[in-house]
Protein backbone atom coordinates (compact mmCIF):
# COMPACT_ATOMS: atom_id res chain seq x y z
CA MET A 1 86.23 -6.73 61.26
CA ASP A 2 89.18 -9.14 61.06
CA VAL A 3 91.56 -6.33 62.12
CA ARG A 4 89.37 -5.01 64.90
CA THR A 5 89.04 -8.30 66.10
CA THR A 6 92.68 -9.04 66.01
CA LEU A 7 93.46 -5.55 67.77
CA GLU A 8 90.89 -6.18 70.40
CA ARG A 9 92.67 -9.29 71.21
CA LEU A 10 96.27 -7.91 71.51
CA ARG A 11 94.74 -5.23 73.58
CA GLU A 12 93.44 -7.74 75.94
CA GLY A 13 96.63 -9.14 76.33
CA SER A 14 98.09 -6.22 77.14
CA ARG A 15 95.76 -5.80 79.65
CA ARG A 16 96.14 -9.01 81.48
CA ALA A 17 100.01 -8.32 81.67
CA PHE A 18 99.40 -5.17 83.33
CA ARG A 19 96.81 -6.58 85.69
CA GLY A 20 99.50 -9.46 86.82
CA ALA A 21 101.98 -6.76 87.56
CA ASP A 22 99.48 -5.62 90.12
CA ALA A 23 100.68 -7.11 93.56
CA GLY A 24 96.99 -7.11 94.70
CA LEU A 25 95.73 -9.63 91.81
CA ALA A 26 96.60 -12.83 90.42
CA SER A 27 99.17 -12.93 87.56
CA GLY A 28 96.65 -15.39 85.76
CA ALA A 29 93.50 -17.69 86.01
CA PRO A 30 93.91 -20.32 88.71
CA LEU A 31 95.09 -23.59 87.11
CA GLN A 32 92.75 -26.00 85.77
CA PRO A 33 94.63 -29.44 85.78
CA ALA A 34 93.60 -31.88 83.47
CA ARG A 35 92.56 -35.30 84.35
CA ARG A 36 95.78 -37.09 83.87
CA GLU A 37 97.51 -34.47 86.27
CA TRP A 38 94.64 -35.13 88.76
CA GLN A 39 95.57 -38.85 88.47
CA PHE A 40 99.14 -38.38 88.67
CA ASP A 41 98.70 -36.01 91.84
CA ALA A 42 96.43 -38.64 93.60
CA VAL A 43 98.99 -41.14 93.09
CA VAL A 44 101.92 -39.58 94.13
CA ALA A 45 100.02 -38.49 97.43
CA LEU A 46 98.81 -42.24 97.93
CA VAL A 47 102.33 -43.43 97.55
CA LEU A 48 103.93 -40.89 99.39
CA GLY A 49 101.32 -41.23 102.19
CA VAL A 50 101.60 -45.03 102.06
CA VAL A 51 105.33 -44.83 102.76
CA THR A 52 105.10 -42.46 105.56
CA VAL A 53 102.28 -43.92 107.22
CA TYR A 54 104.18 -47.31 107.12
CA TYR A 55 107.26 -45.53 108.53
CA GLY A 56 105.50 -43.87 111.34
CA VAL A 57 104.18 -47.17 112.25
CA ASP A 58 107.44 -49.25 112.25
CA ASN A 59 109.10 -46.56 114.22
CA ALA A 60 106.74 -46.58 117.03
CA ASP A 61 108.37 -46.93 120.48
CA ASN A 62 111.94 -46.95 119.00
CA VAL A 63 114.81 -45.07 120.56
CA VAL A 64 117.09 -43.12 118.15
CA ILE A 65 120.84 -42.76 119.20
CA ARG A 66 122.47 -39.97 117.36
CA GLU A 67 126.14 -38.97 117.77
CA VAL A 68 126.04 -35.11 117.90
CA ALA A 69 129.58 -34.83 118.29
CA PRO A 70 132.93 -36.98 118.64
CA GLY A 71 132.17 -39.11 121.85
CA VAL A 72 129.04 -37.64 122.42
CA GLU A 73 125.86 -39.58 122.08
CA ARG A 74 122.15 -38.30 122.31
CA ILE A 75 118.99 -40.54 122.95
CA VAL A 76 116.17 -39.29 120.89
CA PRO A 77 112.80 -41.35 121.91
CA ARG A 78 110.11 -41.41 119.32
CA PRO A 79 106.39 -40.88 120.16
CA SER A 80 105.04 -44.44 121.67
CA GLY A 81 101.89 -45.82 122.82
CA PRO A 82 98.56 -45.88 120.64
CA GLY A 83 98.43 -42.25 121.24
CA GLY A 84 101.92 -41.53 119.72
CA MET A 85 101.21 -44.02 116.70
CA ALA A 86 97.59 -42.43 115.91
CA PHE A 87 99.38 -38.78 115.84
CA MET A 88 102.19 -39.94 113.67
CA VAL A 89 99.73 -41.48 111.00
CA THR A 90 97.62 -38.50 111.12
CA LEU A 91 100.38 -36.27 110.38
CA ALA A 92 101.91 -38.41 107.75
CA ALA A 93 98.45 -38.64 106.25
CA LEU A 94 97.40 -35.19 106.24
CA ALA A 95 100.72 -33.84 104.65
CA SER A 96 100.75 -36.31 102.10
CA GLY A 97 96.99 -36.48 101.21
CA ALA A 98 97.31 -32.37 100.69
CA LEU A 99 99.46 -32.86 97.81
CA ALA A 100 96.55 -34.36 95.68
CA LEU A 101 95.53 -30.70 95.24
CA ARG A 102 98.99 -29.41 94.87
CA ARG A 103 98.18 -28.07 91.48
CA ARG A 104 94.84 -26.36 92.08
CA PHE A 105 95.14 -24.94 95.33
CA PRO A 106 99.24 -24.82 95.68
CA LEU A 107 99.44 -21.71 98.70
CA ALA A 108 96.73 -23.72 100.83
CA VAL A 109 98.92 -26.95 100.50
CA LEU A 110 101.81 -25.45 101.30
CA CYS A 111 100.18 -23.93 104.43
CA VAL A 112 98.84 -27.41 105.49
CA VAL A 113 101.95 -29.13 105.04
CA THR A 114 104.14 -26.50 106.65
CA ALA A 115 101.73 -26.63 109.52
CA ALA A 116 101.86 -30.46 109.65
CA THR A 117 105.76 -30.39 109.58
CA LEU A 118 106.17 -27.98 112.42
CA ALA A 119 103.97 -30.51 114.36
CA THR A 120 106.23 -33.15 113.51
CA PRO A 121 108.40 -34.51 116.06
CA GLN A 122 112.25 -33.99 115.45
CA SER A 123 112.75 -37.42 115.80
CA VAL A 124 110.59 -38.52 112.82
CA MET A 125 110.91 -35.61 110.29
CA ARG A 126 110.79 -38.19 107.60
CA LEU A 127 106.83 -38.18 108.17
CA THR A 128 106.18 -34.70 106.68
CA PHE A 129 109.91 -33.36 105.36
CA TYR A 130 109.30 -35.17 101.66
CA ALA A 131 105.76 -33.70 101.61
CA PHE A 132 107.06 -30.30 102.50
CA VAL A 133 109.69 -30.05 99.85
CA ILE A 134 107.11 -31.03 97.13
CA ALA A 135 104.71 -28.60 98.52
CA VAL A 136 107.23 -25.62 98.20
CA TYR A 137 107.96 -26.88 94.63
CA SER A 138 104.27 -26.88 93.80
CA ALA A 139 103.64 -23.46 95.24
CA ALA A 140 106.82 -21.86 93.19
CA VAL A 141 105.67 -23.44 90.02
CA TYR A 142 101.69 -23.37 89.94
CA SER A 143 100.38 -20.51 92.26
CA PRO A 144 99.27 -17.57 90.36
CA TYR A 145 99.68 -15.34 93.06
CA ARG A 146 103.20 -14.42 92.48
CA VAL A 147 103.46 -11.77 95.06
CA ALA A 148 101.85 -13.88 97.96
CA THR A 149 104.15 -16.77 96.79
CA LEU A 150 107.12 -14.88 96.83
CA VAL A 151 105.96 -14.18 100.55
CA ALA A 152 104.90 -17.43 101.64
CA LEU A 153 107.86 -19.69 100.42
CA PRO A 154 110.61 -17.71 102.55
CA LEU A 155 108.36 -17.51 105.43
CA SER A 156 107.82 -21.52 105.42
CA VAL A 157 111.34 -22.12 104.94
CA VAL A 158 112.26 -19.57 107.62
CA LEU A 159 109.95 -21.15 110.21
CA ILE A 160 111.02 -24.74 109.31
CA GLY A 161 114.63 -23.65 109.56
CA THR A 162 114.28 -21.84 112.82
CA SER A 163 112.00 -24.34 114.65
CA GLY A 164 113.04 -26.84 117.14
CA ASN A 165 112.71 -29.52 114.10
CA SER A 166 115.67 -28.08 112.23
CA VAL A 167 117.15 -31.40 111.98
CA THR A 168 117.14 -33.13 108.64
CA PRO A 169 116.15 -36.43 108.52
CA ILE A 170 119.14 -38.76 107.89
CA VAL A 171 119.72 -40.54 104.59
CA PRO A 172 120.72 -44.15 104.49
CA ASN A 173 123.72 -44.53 102.20
CA GLU A 174 122.12 -47.00 99.86
CA TYR A 175 119.92 -44.28 98.98
CA ILE A 176 122.22 -41.34 98.21
CA ALA A 177 122.84 -42.13 94.50
CA LEU A 178 118.89 -42.39 94.18
CA LEU A 179 118.89 -38.89 95.87
CA ILE A 180 121.35 -37.26 93.65
CA LEU A 181 120.01 -38.95 90.34
CA VAL A 182 116.25 -38.32 91.00
CA PRO A 183 116.58 -34.78 91.23
CA MET A 184 118.60 -34.54 88.09
CA ALA A 185 116.11 -36.61 86.19
CA VAL A 186 113.38 -34.31 87.50
CA ALA A 187 115.49 -31.34 86.35
CA ALA A 188 116.20 -32.52 82.69
CA VAL A 189 112.40 -33.45 82.25
CA GLY A 190 111.47 -29.85 83.55
CA LEU A 191 114.32 -28.15 81.35
CA ARG A 192 112.54 -30.23 78.27
CA THR A 193 108.92 -29.23 79.20
CA TRP A 194 109.98 -25.52 79.46
CA LYS A 195 111.61 -25.61 75.93
CA LEU A 196 108.39 -27.43 74.45
CA ARG A 197 106.48 -24.94 75.99
CA THR A 198 108.50 -21.96 74.58
CA ASP A 199 108.71 -23.55 71.08
CA GLU A 200 104.70 -24.01 71.38
CA GLY A 201 104.51 -20.19 72.62
CA ARG A 202 106.73 -19.24 69.69
CA ALA A 203 104.38 -21.03 67.18
CA ARG A 204 101.51 -19.57 68.54
CA LEU A 205 102.99 -15.92 68.45
CA ASP A 206 103.98 -16.65 64.63
CA ALA A 207 100.61 -17.72 63.70
CA LEU A 208 99.11 -14.74 65.41
CA ARG A 209 101.29 -12.43 63.39
CA ARG A 210 100.44 -14.16 60.43
CA GLU A 211 96.69 -14.11 61.08
CA GLN A 212 97.27 -10.28 61.60
CA SER A 213 99.04 -9.60 58.62
CA GLU A 214 96.69 -11.37 56.42
CA ALA A 215 93.79 -9.27 58.22
CA LEU A 216 95.54 -6.32 57.27
CA ARG A 217 96.02 -7.61 53.67
CA ARG A 218 92.48 -8.27 53.55
CA ALA A 219 91.50 -5.13 54.64
CA VAL A 220 93.53 -3.19 52.18
CA GLU A 221 92.15 -5.41 49.48
CA HIS A 222 88.49 -4.57 50.51
CA GLU A 223 89.30 -0.83 50.79
CA ARG A 224 90.69 -0.98 47.27
CA ALA A 225 87.81 -2.76 45.92
CA ARG A 226 85.44 0.09 47.50
CA ILE A 227 87.51 2.88 46.06
CA ALA A 228 87.75 0.97 42.35
CA ARG A 229 83.70 0.90 42.63
CA GLU A 230 83.54 4.31 43.75
CA LEU A 231 85.77 5.66 40.81
CA HIS A 232 84.16 3.12 38.34
CA ASP A 233 80.83 4.79 39.02
CA VAL A 234 81.91 8.11 38.97
CA VAL A 235 83.95 8.10 36.05
CA THR A 236 81.83 5.75 33.67
CA HIS A 237 78.74 7.57 34.34
CA ASN A 238 80.23 11.19 33.86
CA VAL A 239 82.73 10.19 31.09
CA SER A 240 79.83 8.47 28.95
CA VAL A 241 77.41 11.54 29.16
CA MET A 242 80.49 13.85 28.15
CA ILE A 243 81.50 11.79 25.02
CA ILE A 244 77.84 11.59 23.77
CA GLN A 245 77.49 15.54 24.53
CA ALA A 246 80.89 16.14 22.75
CA GLY A 247 79.88 14.18 19.56
CA ALA A 248 76.50 15.86 19.24
CA ALA A 249 78.47 19.08 19.49
CA ARG A 250 80.76 17.98 16.90
CA LYS A 251 78.09 16.91 14.39
CA ILE A 252 76.15 20.49 14.86
CA MET A 253 78.73 22.65 15.36
CA HIS A 254 78.93 24.16 11.88
CA THR A 255 75.17 24.05 11.00
CA SER A 256 73.64 24.71 14.87
CA PRO A 257 76.25 26.78 16.79
CA GLU A 258 74.30 27.89 19.61
CA GLN A 259 73.22 24.28 20.51
CA ALA A 260 76.61 23.07 20.03
CA GLY A 261 77.60 25.73 22.68
CA GLU A 262 74.80 24.08 25.03
CA ALA A 263 76.06 20.82 24.42
CA LEU A 264 79.67 22.04 25.15
CA LEU A 265 78.16 23.76 28.41
CA ALA A 266 76.69 20.48 29.22
CA VAL A 267 80.16 18.51 28.91
CA GLU A 268 81.68 21.25 31.15
CA ALA A 269 79.10 20.74 33.92
CA GLY A 270 79.44 17.01 33.82
CA GLY A 271 83.42 17.40 33.82
CA ARG A 272 82.87 19.66 36.95
CA ALA A 273 80.44 16.93 38.71
CA ALA A 274 82.87 14.23 37.94
CA MET A 275 86.00 16.12 39.27
CA THR A 276 84.02 17.29 42.58
CA GLU A 277 83.16 13.34 42.80
CA LEU A 278 86.66 12.20 42.40
CA ARG A 279 88.25 14.98 44.66
CA HIS A 280 85.84 13.58 47.61
CA VAL A 281 86.66 10.03 46.87
CA MET A 282 90.62 10.45 46.73
CA GLY A 283 90.01 13.01 49.43
CA LEU A 284 89.18 10.22 51.56
CA LEU A 285 92.59 8.71 51.30
CA THR A 286 94.65 11.82 51.74
CA MET A 287 92.80 13.53 54.16
CA ALA A 288 94.83 12.36 56.96
CA ASP A 289 98.11 13.50 55.35
CA GLU A 290 96.92 16.91 55.14
CA ASP A 291 97.61 20.18 57.15
CA ALA A 292 94.46 22.08 57.24
CA GLY A 293 95.86 24.83 59.55
CA ALA A 294 98.69 25.72 56.97
CA GLU A 295 96.91 25.62 54.06
CA ALA A 296 93.25 26.89 54.97
CA GLY A 297 93.66 30.06 53.46
CA ALA A 298 94.88 29.06 49.92
CA ASP A 299 92.76 25.64 49.33
CA ALA A 300 89.61 26.75 50.99
CA THR A 301 87.71 25.88 47.72
CA GLY A 302 89.76 22.47 47.49
CA THR A 303 89.08 21.52 50.75
CA ALA A 304 85.21 22.44 50.86
CA ALA A 305 84.73 20.21 47.65
CA GLU A 306 86.66 17.34 49.39
CA LEU A 307 84.86 17.47 52.22
CA ALA A 308 81.46 17.84 50.33
CA PRO A 309 78.97 15.08 51.23
CA GLN A 310 78.62 11.88 49.20
CA PRO A 311 75.54 12.08 46.76
CA GLY A 312 72.13 10.95 48.10
CA LEU A 313 68.87 10.46 46.90
CA ASP A 314 68.03 14.34 47.08
CA ARG A 315 70.56 14.75 44.08
CA LEU A 316 68.70 12.37 41.51
CA ASP A 317 67.26 15.16 40.05
CA ALA A 318 70.50 16.63 39.14
CA LEU A 319 71.36 13.28 37.88
CA VAL A 320 68.45 12.85 36.00
CA GLY A 321 68.97 16.11 34.42
CA ARG A 322 72.42 15.42 33.07
CA VAL A 323 71.06 12.57 31.50
CA ARG A 324 68.47 14.08 29.78
CA ASP A 325 70.90 16.70 28.55
CA ALA A 326 73.11 13.67 26.72
CA GLY A 327 69.80 13.09 24.94
CA LEU A 328 67.92 10.24 26.92
CA PRO A 329 64.77 11.10 27.93
CA VAL A 330 64.22 9.89 31.70
CA GLY A 331 61.18 10.07 33.80
CA LEU A 332 61.72 10.08 37.63
CA THR A 333 58.95 9.04 40.11
CA VAL A 334 59.15 9.20 43.72
CA THR A 335 56.39 7.47 45.72
CA GLY A 336 55.93 7.31 49.68
CA PRO A 337 56.80 9.65 51.92
CA PRO A 338 60.89 10.56 51.62
CA ARG A 339 62.56 10.54 55.14
CA PRO A 340 65.98 10.76 56.26
CA LEU A 341 68.27 7.52 55.55
CA PRO A 342 71.55 6.46 56.39
CA PRO A 343 74.26 8.11 54.23
CA GLY A 344 75.64 4.72 52.95
CA LEU A 345 72.26 3.41 52.15
CA GLU A 346 71.29 6.51 50.18
CA LEU A 347 74.75 6.48 48.21
CA ALA A 348 73.80 2.72 47.22
CA ALA A 349 70.74 3.48 46.03
CA TYR A 350 72.22 6.88 44.04
CA ARG A 351 74.85 4.44 42.71
CA VAL A 352 72.23 1.77 41.48
CA VAL A 353 70.57 4.70 39.53
CA GLN A 354 73.53 6.20 38.15
CA GLU A 355 74.86 2.91 36.88
CA ALA A 356 71.50 1.92 35.56
CA LEU A 357 71.46 5.05 33.33
CA THR A 358 74.94 4.79 32.31
CA ASN A 359 74.24 1.57 30.89
CA THR A 360 71.56 2.71 29.03
CA VAL A 361 73.27 5.77 27.51
CA LYS A 362 76.05 3.66 26.44
CA HIS A 363 74.28 0.21 25.21
CA ALA A 364 70.66 1.37 24.27
CA SER A 365 70.80 4.53 21.81
CA GLY A 366 67.41 5.98 21.26
CA ALA A 367 65.56 4.49 24.22
CA THR A 368 63.70 6.45 26.94
CA ALA A 369 64.09 5.22 30.74
CA ALA A 370 62.32 5.41 33.85
CA VAL A 371 63.28 5.76 37.42
CA THR A 372 61.05 5.09 40.66
CA VAL A 373 62.02 5.26 43.90
CA GLU A 374 59.53 3.89 46.31
CA TYR A 375 59.80 4.60 50.18
CA GLY A 376 58.05 1.81 51.89
CA PRO A 377 57.55 0.95 55.66
CA ARG A 378 60.10 -1.50 55.83
CA ARG A 379 62.32 -1.24 52.53
CA LEU A 380 63.43 1.12 49.86
CA ARG A 381 62.79 0.01 46.33
CA VAL A 382 65.00 1.62 43.28
CA GLU A 383 63.93 0.83 40.03
CA VAL A 384 65.34 1.78 36.55
CA THR A 385 63.70 0.57 33.16
CA ASP A 386 64.19 1.40 29.77
CA THR A 387 62.69 0.53 26.26
CA GLY A 388 65.72 -0.76 24.70
CA GLY A 389 67.28 0.64 21.43
CA GLN A 390 70.01 0.00 19.07
CA SER A 391 73.25 -0.74 20.72
CA GLY A 392 75.74 1.85 20.99
CA ALA A 393 78.51 -0.03 22.43
CA ALA A 394 80.11 -3.15 23.12
CA THR A 395 78.59 -5.62 25.97
CA GLY A 396 80.39 -4.29 28.98
CA SER A 397 82.24 -6.59 31.41
CA GLY A 398 79.75 -6.63 33.94
CA ARG A 399 81.96 -5.14 36.73
CA GLY A 400 79.41 -2.48 37.39
CA LEU A 401 76.58 -4.80 38.28
CA ILE A 402 78.79 -6.83 40.65
CA GLY A 403 79.78 -3.67 42.37
CA LEU A 404 76.29 -2.81 42.88
CA ARG A 405 75.67 -6.03 44.42
CA GLU A 406 78.50 -5.97 46.69
CA ARG A 407 77.36 -2.15 47.88
CA LEU A 408 73.69 -3.55 48.46
CA ALA A 409 74.95 -6.66 50.34
CA VAL A 410 76.50 -4.29 52.83
CA HIS A 411 73.08 -3.19 53.75
CA GLY A 412 71.26 -6.58 53.48
CA GLY A 413 69.95 -5.47 50.04
CA THR A 414 69.53 -7.44 46.91
CA LEU A 415 69.82 -6.35 43.24
CA THR A 416 67.74 -8.07 40.10
CA THR A 417 68.72 -7.39 36.53
CA GLY A 418 67.48 -8.71 33.23
CA ARG A 419 65.65 -8.30 30.21
CA ARG A 420 62.07 -7.22 30.04
CA LEU A 421 59.26 -9.20 28.30
CA THR A 422 58.15 -5.93 26.59
CA GLY A 423 62.06 -5.05 25.34
CA GLY A 424 64.57 -3.28 26.93
CA PHE A 425 66.39 -3.62 30.30
CA ARG A 426 65.41 -3.42 33.98
CA VAL A 427 67.48 -3.15 36.97
CA GLU A 428 65.70 -3.53 40.55
CA ALA A 429 67.13 -2.59 43.95
CA LEU A 430 65.17 -3.80 47.44
CA ILE A 431 66.93 -2.56 50.42
CA PRO A 432 65.76 -3.36 53.80
CA LEU A 433 64.94 -0.24 56.09
CA GLU A 434 64.30 0.27 59.88
CA THR A 435 61.04 0.58 60.84
CA PRO A 436 60.32 4.23 61.67
């Protein structure tokens, strides 16, 4: 699940990148400025508005004399009267106030400021020129619509450059040093910010790679544990039965050859069953590397065995029969109407019976066992009990029961084990079922 989640996240990032390349769509979501950024933009708009409004009020009714050529002067009148002053104040307030939204709506702000700049008289270009410079910068940096921005920026610059207001404002000499140093400082801050963001992006990418590697490692460990449980269940049961049958055959080989032959046949059947299940388990790992077309004729029998279905509740009779042949009397009782169940759930129930009977054969020689399978309306109940007997082997490691609990936990089931008051051992599995 972790691997799937990580891969889905990577695919979604790729989709967003491709969507960003489309000319008709945004390359990213509109920027949502933080509270501090809103406050900074509002302060910038307020300061620039106050300065430009003061400039407009202070220069009303003034006459500007400019030297357009050596010995040639030009008189440039500025708007005068209450109407002219109101016009200049309105332009200054409109162009400066729009900058408060320059991060959230950069293209709209650029259009508003461009229109205000085009409407500004040539003699008072300072009213809107600085706001226009900031609006152009904001559109280039913050607009998510890259194609529209690449069209709007040159268009705005061309409109301002070819209009009658193409004369840029004159900067007094005392402000030239400031005009040079401020852009340098802004560029330095921007470079540092870009470096910090690049480092953060690289750190996030490294963290994502580590997360993906960790998820893959956990998936591999989980698969190894699952295969180990399968091999444990298959090998432990069949080999235990084969050992008991072979021991019995050895003891009666001279006195009762026919019974010894039957025991050896049971050993052979158990070995074939173990090999069939082992081929199926290992075939799940090697199936992707096989070329079915090239080896279909030569390996038809082996392939059929590898593709055989996993054992389910319908094979409990064969399992109980093998255990009876090993000398352990076993009774099988099925209550409730049987119905088809998911293969994984049936396999888990089958392994419960297999593990419990294997433990009885190994650790309770001379006992009798009973297997009960109960199909309920909402759950499947599997119980294996034995009457106890002589201990035939040392106490096991308990890995088999741990594996069973993990199997059942996948399906929301529980496993209960313990000794019975009347002697012997009891294993009970409860697996919830979907309501038919």
